[in-house]
Amino acid sequence: MTRSFGAIAVAAAALPAPAMGAATLTTERSCYTAGEQIQFTGTGYSPSSPVVVGLAANGRSGAFKPATSDAAGAFAFTGNAPTLDDFGAALRPGPGPTRIEVLATATDQATLGPTGPAPTTLFGQARFTLAAWELHVRPWETAVPAPGKPRRVVTLRTYGWTNLTGTLYAHYVSHGRLVHTVALGRLRGPCGDLTRTMREFPFRPVPAGSYLVQFDTRLDWIKAAGRLGYRRVVVKPADAVP
């Protein structure tokens, strides 16, 4: 079952001290973007008891609805990653990626004291990165239509391709038809990042016209893929390349 993240508090709640060597909490990856599914697993909790997984970052916190451990004291569930806005982290202008470190905690509700965490509270924790999924080609960062100049060298910066590993491709499309596909390089790191210099249209010929430039980790262009890109990059006749 997928569980939604609860309301974010203004300030992070105090965290209990973990019972030594007792409880664990893990995630299957170390970086996520908003809405992605996070698979939480834990061991060492009270058998058949509620366990609450909470997230805290940037002075704010929230929690998922409780999970229930099994007879061996283990639990597993899938929750949707919150947004950066949930933690008050706005998209940062400039060339660097926007991301924050999130502390995840799992608290065994059966071991809480009458007024909150007790010295014997079973408690596990893990950390992961919450990243923005973004892509920037600065000359195209304008109101559409953006100017396309095939001979101009630009810097492509993209971040947050967290579960879409491998090679990143740029698909150039005109009038609903694929014109050319360019391999840009391999995404790197747990968050899937890539920075490289390139010509805006690294192929020829480049006829004048309006182009959709769509970025994807699939070699084949899929019209309804919903990946990052620029909807209208216009090459004027004077800038066309035969």
C-alpha atoms as a PDB file:
ATOM      1  CA  MET A   1       0.000   0.000   0.000  1.00  0.00           C
ATOM      2  CA  THR A   2       1.218   3.501  -0.812  1.00  0.00           C
ATOM      3  CA  ARG A   3       0.921   5.930   2.069  1.00  0.00           C
ATOM      4  CA  SER A   4       0.684   9.700   1.758  1.00  0.00           C
ATOM      5  CA  PHE A   5       2.770  12.028   3.845  1.00  0.00           C
ATOM      6  CA  GLY A   6       0.941  13.859   6.617  1.00  0.00           C
ATOM      7  CA  ALA A   7       0.792  17.560   7.388  1.00  0.00           C
ATOM      8  CA  ILE A   8       4.097  19.319   7.957  1.00  0.00           C
ATOM      9  CA  ALA A   9       4.618  20.893  11.345  1.00  0.00           C
ATOM     10  CA  VAL A  10       6.238  24.288  11.660  1.00  0.00           C
ATOM     11  CA  ALA A  11       9.053  22.915  13.801  1.00  0.00           C
ATOM     12  CA  ALA A  12      10.578  19.475  13.862  1.00  0.00           C
ATOM     13  CA  ALA A  13       9.430  17.345  16.763  1.00  0.00           C
ATOM     14  CA  ALA A  14      11.973  16.219  19.332  1.00  0.00           C
ATOM     15  CA  LEU A  15      13.405  12.827  18.415  1.00  0.00           C
ATOM     16  CA  PRO A  16      13.756  10.036  20.986  1.00  0.00           C
ATOM     17  CA  ALA A  17      17.114   8.521  21.719  1.00  0.00           C
ATOM     18  CA  PRO A  18      17.330   5.118  20.009  1.00  0.00           C
ATOM     19  CA  ALA A  19      17.476   1.934  22.045  1.00  0.00           C
ATOM     20  CA  MET A  20      20.938   0.651  21.273  1.00  0.00           C
ATOM     21  CA  GLY A  21      21.142  -2.164  18.696  1.00  0.00           C
ATOM     22  CA  ALA A  22      17.401  -2.703  18.750  1.00  0.00           C
ATOM     23  CA  ALA A  23      15.591  -1.177  15.764  1.00  0.00           C
ATOM     24  CA  THR A  24      16.592  -0.371  12.174  1.00  0.00           C
ATOM     25  CA  LEU A  25      15.142   1.668   9.330  1.00  0.00           C
ATOM     26  CA  THR A  26      16.303   1.605   5.692  1.00  0.00           C
ATOM     27  CA  THR A  27      15.249   2.955   2.298  1.00  0.00           C
ATOM     28  CA  GLU A  28      16.050   1.215  -0.982  1.00  0.00           C
ATOM     29  CA  ARG A  29      17.665   4.339  -2.503  1.00  0.00           C
ATOM     30  CA  SER A  30      19.464   7.396  -1.178  1.00  0.00           C
ATOM     31  CA  CYS A  31      17.822  10.079  -3.373  1.00  0.00           C
ATOM     32  CA  TYR A  32      14.224  10.823  -4.375  1.00  0.00           C
ATOM     33  CA  THR A  33      12.157  13.510  -6.087  1.00  0.00           C
ATOM     34  CA  ALA A  34       8.673  14.643  -5.079  1.00  0.00           C
ATOM     35  CA  GLY A  35       5.979  12.014  -5.558  1.00  0.00           C
ATOM     36  CA  GLU A  36       8.351   9.106  -6.019  1.00  0.00           C
ATOM     37  CA  GLN A  37       7.664   6.008  -3.969  1.00  0.00           C
ATOM     38  CA  ILE A  38       9.984   5.386  -1.038  1.00  0.00           C
ATOM     39  CA  GLN A  39      10.188   1.796   0.175  1.00  0.00           C
ATOM     40  CA  PHE A  40      10.754   1.787   3.926  1.00  0.00           C
ATOM     41  CA  THR A  41      11.742  -1.382   5.782  1.00  0.00           C
ATOM     42  CA  GLY A  42      12.475  -1.868   9.455  1.00  0.00           C
ATOM     43  CA  THR A  43      13.393  -4.607  11.897  1.00  0.00           C
ATOM     44  CA  GLY A  44      13.660  -4.964  15.667  1.00  0.00           C
ATOM     45  CA  TYR A  45      10.291  -3.468  16.667  1.00  0.00           C
ATOM     46  CA  SER A  46       7.604  -4.862  18.957  1.00  0.00           C
ATOM     47  CA  PRO A  47       5.674  -7.704  17.334  1.00  0.00           C
ATOM     48  CA  SER A  48       2.340  -6.788  15.717  1.00  0.00           C
ATOM     49  CA  SER A  49       2.544  -3.147  16.834  1.00  0.00           C
ATOM     50  CA  PRO A  50       2.085   0.245  15.135  1.00  0.00           C
ATOM     51  CA  VAL A  51       5.216   1.965  13.871  1.00  0.00           C
ATOM     52  CA  VAL A  52       5.165   5.607  12.750  1.00  0.00           C
ATOM     53  CA  VAL A  53       7.657   6.800  10.121  1.00  0.00           C
ATOM     54  CA  GLY A  54       8.302  10.520  10.270  1.00  0.00           C
ATOM     55  CA  LEU A  55      10.370  12.841   8.087  1.00  0.00           C
ATOM     56  CA  ALA A  56      12.164  15.993   9.212  1.00  0.00           C
ATOM     57  CA  ALA A  57      14.231  18.612   7.368  1.00  0.00           C
ATOM     58  CA  ASN A  58      14.819  22.341   7.361  1.00  0.00           C
ATOM     59  CA  GLY A  59      13.022  22.849  10.683  1.00  0.00           C
ATOM     60  CA  ARG A  60       9.820  21.107   9.573  1.00  0.00           C
ATOM     61  CA  SER A  61       8.449  17.615  10.040  1.00  0.00           C
ATOM     62  CA  GLY A  62       5.554  15.327   9.274  1.00  0.00           C
ATOM     63  CA  ALA A  63       4.627  11.655   9.398  1.00  0.00           C
ATOM     64  CA  PHE A  64       2.971   8.891   7.413  1.00  0.00           C
ATOM     65  CA  LYS A  65       0.006   6.959   8.735  1.00  0.00           C
ATOM     66  CA  PRO A  66       1.200   4.164  11.023  1.00  0.00           C
ATOM     67  CA  ALA A  67       2.451   0.881   9.632  1.00  0.00           C
ATOM     68  CA  THR A  68       2.116  -2.380  11.560  1.00  0.00           C
ATOM     69  CA  SER A  69       5.015  -4.669  12.337  1.00  0.00           C
ATOM     70  CA  ASP A  70       4.684  -8.405  11.801  1.00  0.00           C
ATOM     71  CA  ALA A  71       5.056 -11.200  14.360  1.00  0.00           C
ATOM     72  CA  ALA A  72       8.859 -10.946  14.055  1.00  0.00           C
ATOM     73  CA  GLY A  73       8.880  -7.176  14.666  1.00  0.00           C
ATOM     74  CA  ALA A  74       9.616  -6.224  11.037  1.00  0.00           C
ATOM     75  CA  PHE A  75       7.621  -3.882   8.816  1.00  0.00           C
ATOM     76  CA  ALA A  76       7.625  -2.669   5.213  1.00  0.00           C
ATOM     77  CA  PHE A  77       5.532  -0.102   3.408  1.00  0.00           C
ATOM     78  CA  THR A  78       5.740   2.353   0.542  1.00  0.00           C
ATOM     79  CA  GLY A  79       5.212   6.091   1.006  1.00  0.00           C
ATOM     80  CA  ASN A  80       5.189   8.955  -1.491  1.00  0.00           C
ATOM     81  CA  ALA A  81       8.090  11.390  -1.194  1.00  0.00           C
ATOM     82  CA  PRO A  82       6.952  14.885  -0.152  1.00  0.00           C
ATOM     83  CA  THR A  83       7.796  18.037  -2.071  1.00  0.00           C
ATOM     84  CA  LEU A  84      10.593  20.464  -1.345  1.00  0.00           C
ATOM     85  CA  ASP A  85       7.887  23.051  -0.621  1.00  0.00           C
ATOM     86  CA  ASP A  86       6.654  20.839   2.228  1.00  0.00           C
ATOM     87  CA  PHE A  87       9.963  21.560   3.920  1.00  0.00           C
ATOM     88  CA  GLY A  88      10.068  25.227   2.954  1.00  0.00           C
ATOM     89  CA  ALA A  89      12.822  24.687   0.393  1.00  0.00           C
ATOM     90  CA  ALA A  90      12.054  26.750  -2.711  1.00  0.00           C
ATOM     91  CA  LEU A  91      13.653  26.000  -6.071  1.00  0.00           C
ATOM     92  CA  ARG A  92      17.022  27.721  -5.969  1.00  0.00           C
ATOM     93  CA  PRO A  93      17.964  29.999  -8.882  1.00  0.00           C
ATOM     94  CA  GLY A  94      21.326  29.497 -10.521  1.00  0.00           C
ATOM     95  CA  PRO A  95      23.311  26.565 -11.873  1.00  0.00           C
ATOM     96  CA  GLY A  96      23.402  24.378  -8.752  1.00  0.00           C
ATOM     97  CA  PRO A  97      20.884  21.650  -7.890  1.00  0.00           C
ATOM     98  CA  THR A  98      18.096  22.203  -5.382  1.00  0.00           C
ATOM     99  CA  ARG A  99      18.080  19.464  -2.750  1.00  0.00           C
ATOM    100  CA  ILE A 100      17.940  18.900   1.007  1.00  0.00           C
ATOM    101  CA  GLU A 101      18.853  16.066   3.365  1.00  0.00           C
ATOM    102  CA  VAL A 102      15.876  14.449   5.073  1.00  0.00           C
ATOM    103  CA  LEU A 103      15.983  12.519   8.347  1.00  0.00           C
ATOM    104  CA  ALA A 104      13.556   9.581   8.440  1.00  0.00           C
ATOM    105  CA  THR A 105      12.651   8.065  11.803  1.00  0.00           C
ATOM    106  CA  ALA A 106      10.589   5.004  12.713  1.00  0.00           C
ATOM    107  CA  THR A 107       9.144   4.991  16.229  1.00  0.00           C
ATOM    108  CA  ASP A 108       7.635   1.915  17.872  1.00  0.00           C
ATOM    109  CA  GLN A 109       4.395   3.219  19.376  1.00  0.00           C
ATOM    110  CA  ALA A 110       4.149   0.292  21.801  1.00  0.00           C
ATOM    111  CA  THR A 111       7.326   1.393  23.583  1.00  0.00           C
ATOM    112  CA  LEU A 112       6.432   5.058  24.038  1.00  0.00           C
ATOM    113  CA  GLY A 113       6.119   6.408  27.549  1.00  0.00           C
ATOM    114  CA  PRO A 114       2.823   7.884  28.823  1.00  0.00           C
ATOM    115  CA  THR A 115       3.817  11.394  27.724  1.00  0.00           C
ATOM    116  CA  GLY A 116       6.143  10.671  24.805  1.00  0.00           C
ATOM    117  CA  PRO A 117       9.478   9.000  24.054  1.00  0.00           C
ATOM    118  CA  ALA A 118      10.952   6.984  26.889  1.00  0.00           C
ATOM    119  CA  PRO A 119      14.547   5.748  27.368  1.00  0.00           C
ATOM    120  CA  THR A 120      13.477   2.305  26.121  1.00  0.00           C
ATOM    121  CA  THR A 121      11.628   3.533  23.031  1.00  0.00           C
ATOM    122  CA  LEU A 122      12.472   1.422  19.979  1.00  0.00           C
ATOM    123  CA  PHE A 123      13.537   3.852  17.313  1.00  0.00           C
ATOM    124  CA  GLY A 124      15.329   3.561  13.957  1.00  0.00           C
ATOM    125  CA  GLN A 125      16.543   6.233  11.589  1.00  0.00           C
ATOM    126  CA  ALA A 126      17.841   6.726   8.054  1.00  0.00           C
ATOM    127  CA  ARG A 127      18.777   9.668   5.862  1.00  0.00           C
ATOM    128  CA  PHE A 128      18.089  10.376   2.206  1.00  0.00           C
ATOM    129  CA  THR A 129      18.247  13.300  -0.203  1.00  0.00           C
ATOM    130  CA  LEU A 130      15.120  15.000  -1.553  1.00  0.00           C
ATOM    131  CA  ALA A 131      16.000  16.594  -4.897  1.00  0.00           C
ATOM    132  CA  ALA A 132      14.325  18.761  -7.506  1.00  0.00           C
ATOM    133  CA  TRP A 133      14.013  17.306 -10.998  1.00  0.00           C
ATOM    134  CA  GLU A 134      15.267  20.109 -13.226  1.00  0.00           C
ATOM    135  CA  LEU A 135      17.050  20.871 -16.472  1.00  0.00           C
ATOM    136  CA  HIS A 136      18.611  24.114 -17.699  1.00  0.00           C
ATOM    137  CA  VAL A 137      19.930  25.365 -21.033  1.00  0.00           C
ATOM    138  CA  ARG A 138      20.345  29.036 -20.202  1.00  0.00           C
ATOM    139  CA  PRO A 139      19.657  30.621 -23.641  1.00  0.00           C
ATOM    140  CA  TRP A 140      16.374  28.705 -23.736  1.00  0.00           C
ATOM    141  CA  GLU A 141      15.315  29.899 -20.286  1.00  0.00           C
ATOM    142  CA  THR A 142      12.994  32.476 -21.791  1.00  0.00           C
ATOM    143  CA  ALA A 143       9.329  32.877 -22.520  1.00  0.00           C
ATOM    144  CA  VAL A 144       8.495  30.722 -25.531  1.00  0.00           C
ATOM    145  CA  PRO A 145       9.448  30.775 -28.315  1.00  0.00           C
ATOM    146  CA  ALA A 146      13.098  30.495 -27.326  1.00  0.00           C
ATOM    147  CA  PRO A 147      15.815  31.444 -29.831  1.00  0.00           C
ATOM    148  CA  GLY A 148      17.659  28.484 -31.331  1.00  0.00           C
ATOM    149  CA  LYS A 149      21.142  29.001 -32.737  1.00  0.00           C
ATOM    150  CA  PRO A 150      22.599  25.660 -33.907  1.00  0.00           C
ATOM    151  CA  ARG A 151      26.247  26.810 -33.831  1.00  0.00           C
ATOM    152  CA  ARG A 152      26.088  28.298 -30.324  1.00  0.00           C
ATOM    153  CA  VAL A 153      27.860  26.365 -27.560  1.00  0.00           C
ATOM    154  CA  VAL A 154      25.854  26.106 -24.341  1.00  0.00           C
ATOM    155  CA  THR A 155      26.086  24.346 -20.991  1.00  0.00           C
ATOM    156  CA  LEU A 156      23.435  21.769 -20.188  1.00  0.00           C
ATOM    157  CA  ARG A 157      22.809  21.220 -16.480  1.00  0.00           C
ATOM    158  CA  THR A 158      20.286  18.667 -15.298  1.00  0.00           C
ATOM    159  CA  TYR A 159      19.614  17.095 -11.905  1.00  0.00           C
ATOM    160  CA  GLY A 160      17.224  14.733 -10.180  1.00  0.00           C
ATOM    161  CA  TRP A 161      16.894  11.813 -12.615  1.00  0.00           C
ATOM    162  CA  THR A 162      16.844   9.661  -9.518  1.00  0.00           C
ATOM    163  CA  ASN A 163      15.419   6.342 -10.742  1.00  0.00           C
ATOM    164  CA  LEU A 164      16.070   6.936 -14.456  1.00  0.00           C
ATOM    165  CA  THR A 165      19.644   5.778 -14.686  1.00  0.00           C
ATOM    166  CA  GLY A 166      21.876   5.361 -17.725  1.00  0.00           C
ATOM    167  CA  THR A 167      22.376   7.628 -20.708  1.00  0.00           C
ATOM    168  CA  LEU A 168      20.451  10.864 -21.175  1.00  0.00           C
ATOM    169  CA  TYR A 169      19.192  11.621 -24.690  1.00  0.00           C
ATOM    170  CA  ALA A 170      17.902  14.784 -26.345  1.00  0.00           C
ATOM    171  CA  HIS A 171      15.134  14.246 -28.926  1.00  0.00           C
ATOM    172  CA  TYR A 172      14.697  17.043 -31.471  1.00  0.00           C
ATOM    173  CA  VAL A 173      11.189  17.049 -32.936  1.00  0.00           C
ATOM    174  CA  SER A 174       9.657  19.276 -35.622  1.00  0.00           C
ATOM    175  CA  HIS A 175       6.025  19.233 -36.779  1.00  0.00           C
ATOM    176  CA  GLY A 176       5.381  16.147 -34.661  1.00  0.00           C
ATOM    177  CA  ARG A 177       8.167  14.122 -36.268  1.00  0.00           C
ATOM    178  CA  LEU A 178      11.518  13.100 -34.795  1.00  0.00           C
ATOM    179  CA  VAL A 179      14.388  14.904 -36.554  1.00  0.00           C
ATOM    180  CA  HIS A 180      17.377  13.666 -34.573  1.00  0.00           C
ATOM    181  CA  THR A 181      18.344  12.018 -31.273  1.00  0.00           C
ATOM    182  CA  VAL A 182      21.576  12.925 -29.485  1.00  0.00           C
ATOM    183  CA  ALA A 183      23.244  10.956 -26.678  1.00  0.00           C
ATOM    184  CA  LEU A 184      24.390  13.483 -24.067  1.00  0.00           C
ATOM    185  CA  GLY A 185      26.199  11.295 -21.539  1.00  0.00           C
ATOM    186  CA  ARG A 186      25.602   9.098 -18.522  1.00  0.00           C
ATOM    187  CA  LEU A 187      23.732  10.386 -15.496  1.00  0.00           C
ATOM    188  CA  ARG A 188      25.901  10.236 -12.389  1.00  0.00           C
ATOM    189  CA  GLY A 189      25.500   9.930  -8.650  1.00  0.00           C
ATOM    190  CA  PRO A 190      22.509   8.780  -6.593  1.00  0.00           C
ATOM    191  CA  CYS A 191      20.402  11.740  -7.763  1.00  0.00           C
ATOM    192  CA  GLY A 192      21.149  11.299 -11.475  1.00  0.00           C
ATOM    193  CA  ASP A 193      23.007  14.488 -12.487  1.00  0.00           C
ATOM    194  CA  LEU A 194      24.730  15.604 -15.678  1.00  0.00           C
ATOM    195  CA  THR A 195      26.589  18.765 -16.697  1.00  0.00           C
ATOM    196  CA  ARG A 196      28.179  19.145 -20.146  1.00  0.00           C
ATOM    197  CA  THR A 197      28.863  21.666 -22.872  1.00  0.00           C
ATOM    198  CA  MET A 198      27.359  21.106 -26.305  1.00  0.00           C
ATOM    199  CA  ARG A 199      26.146  22.878 -29.400  1.00  0.00           C
ATOM    200  CA  GLU A 200      22.458  23.663 -29.180  1.00  0.00           C
ATOM    201  CA  PHE A 201      21.791  21.471 -32.228  1.00  0.00           C
ATOM    202  CA  PRO A 202      24.746  19.030 -32.403  1.00  0.00           C
ATOM    203  CA  PHE A 203      23.848  17.582 -35.800  1.00  0.00           C
ATOM    204  CA  ARG A 204      23.231  18.669 -39.360  1.00  0.00           C
ATOM    205  CA  PRO A 205      21.317  19.622 -41.350  1.00  0.00           C
ATOM    206  CA  VAL A 206      19.255  21.879 -39.096  1.00  0.00           C
ATOM    207  CA  PRO A 207      16.424  23.384 -41.144  1.00  0.00           C
ATOM    208  CA  ALA A 208      14.725  26.572 -40.027  1.00  0.00           C
ATOM    209  CA  GLY A 209      11.595  26.064 -37.984  1.00  0.00           C
ATOM    210  CA  SER A 210      10.179  25.407 -34.529  1.00  0.00           C
ATOM    211  CA  TYR A 211      11.491  22.474 -32.503  1.00  0.00           C
ATOM    212  CA  LEU A 212      10.419  20.547 -29.450  1.00  0.00           C
ATOM    213  CA  VAL A 213      13.543  19.434 -27.563  1.00  0.00           C
ATOM    214  CA  GLN A 214      12.668  16.635 -25.171  1.00  0.00           C
ATOM    215  CA  PHE A 215      15.106  14.975 -22.765  1.00  0.00           C
ATOM    216  CA  ASP A 216      14.733  11.357 -21.742  1.00  0.00           C
ATOM    217  CA  THR A 217      16.630   8.257 -20.660  1.00  0.00           C
ATOM    218  CA  ARG A 218      15.017   6.264 -23.472  1.00  0.00           C
ATOM    219  CA  LEU A 219      16.656   6.092 -26.874  1.00  0.00           C
ATOM    220  CA  ASP A 220      13.274   6.001 -28.619  1.00  0.00           C
ATOM    221  CA  TRP A 221      11.247   9.198 -28.652  1.00  0.00           C
ATOM    222  CA  ILE A 222       7.811   8.785 -27.102  1.00  0.00           C
ATOM    223  CA  LYS A 223       5.457  11.682 -27.757  1.00  0.00           C
ATOM    224  CA  ALA A 224       3.572  11.460 -24.468  1.00  0.00           C
ATOM    225  CA  ALA A 225       6.603  10.651 -22.310  1.00  0.00           C
ATOM    226  CA  GLY A 226       6.198  13.754 -20.136  1.00  0.00           C
ATOM    227  CA  ARG A 227       9.921  14.223 -19.621  1.00  0.00           C
ATOM    228  CA  LEU A 228      11.774  17.498 -19.215  1.00  0.00           C
ATOM    229  CA  GLY A 229      12.294  19.705 -22.227  1.00  0.00           C
ATOM    230  CA  TYR A 230      11.550  22.879 -24.154  1.00  0.00           C
ATOM    231  CA  ARG A 231       8.362  23.071 -26.170  1.00  0.00           C
ATOM    232  CA  ARG A 232       9.358  25.701 -28.743  1.00  0.00           C
ATOM    233  CA  VAL A 233      12.926  26.466 -29.785  1.00  0.00           C
ATOM    234  CA  VAL A 234      12.835  28.458 -33.031  1.00  0.00           C
ATOM    235  CA  VAL A 235      15.662  28.400 -35.569  1.00  0.00           C
ATOM    236  CA  LYS A 236      15.435  31.369 -37.925  1.00  0.00           C
ATOM    237  CA  PRO A 237      16.361  30.961 -41.630  1.00  0.00           C
ATOM    238  CA  ALA A 238      19.540  32.980 -41.102  1.00  0.00           C
ATOM    239  CA  ASP A 239      20.674  30.500 -38.415  1.00  0.00           C
ATOM    240  CA  ALA A 240      19.779  27.270 -40.236  1.00  0.00           C
ATOM    241  CA  VAL A 241      22.589  24.799 -40.999  1.00  0.00           C
ATOM    242  CA  PRO A 242      22.610  22.974 -44.354  1.00  0.00           C
END
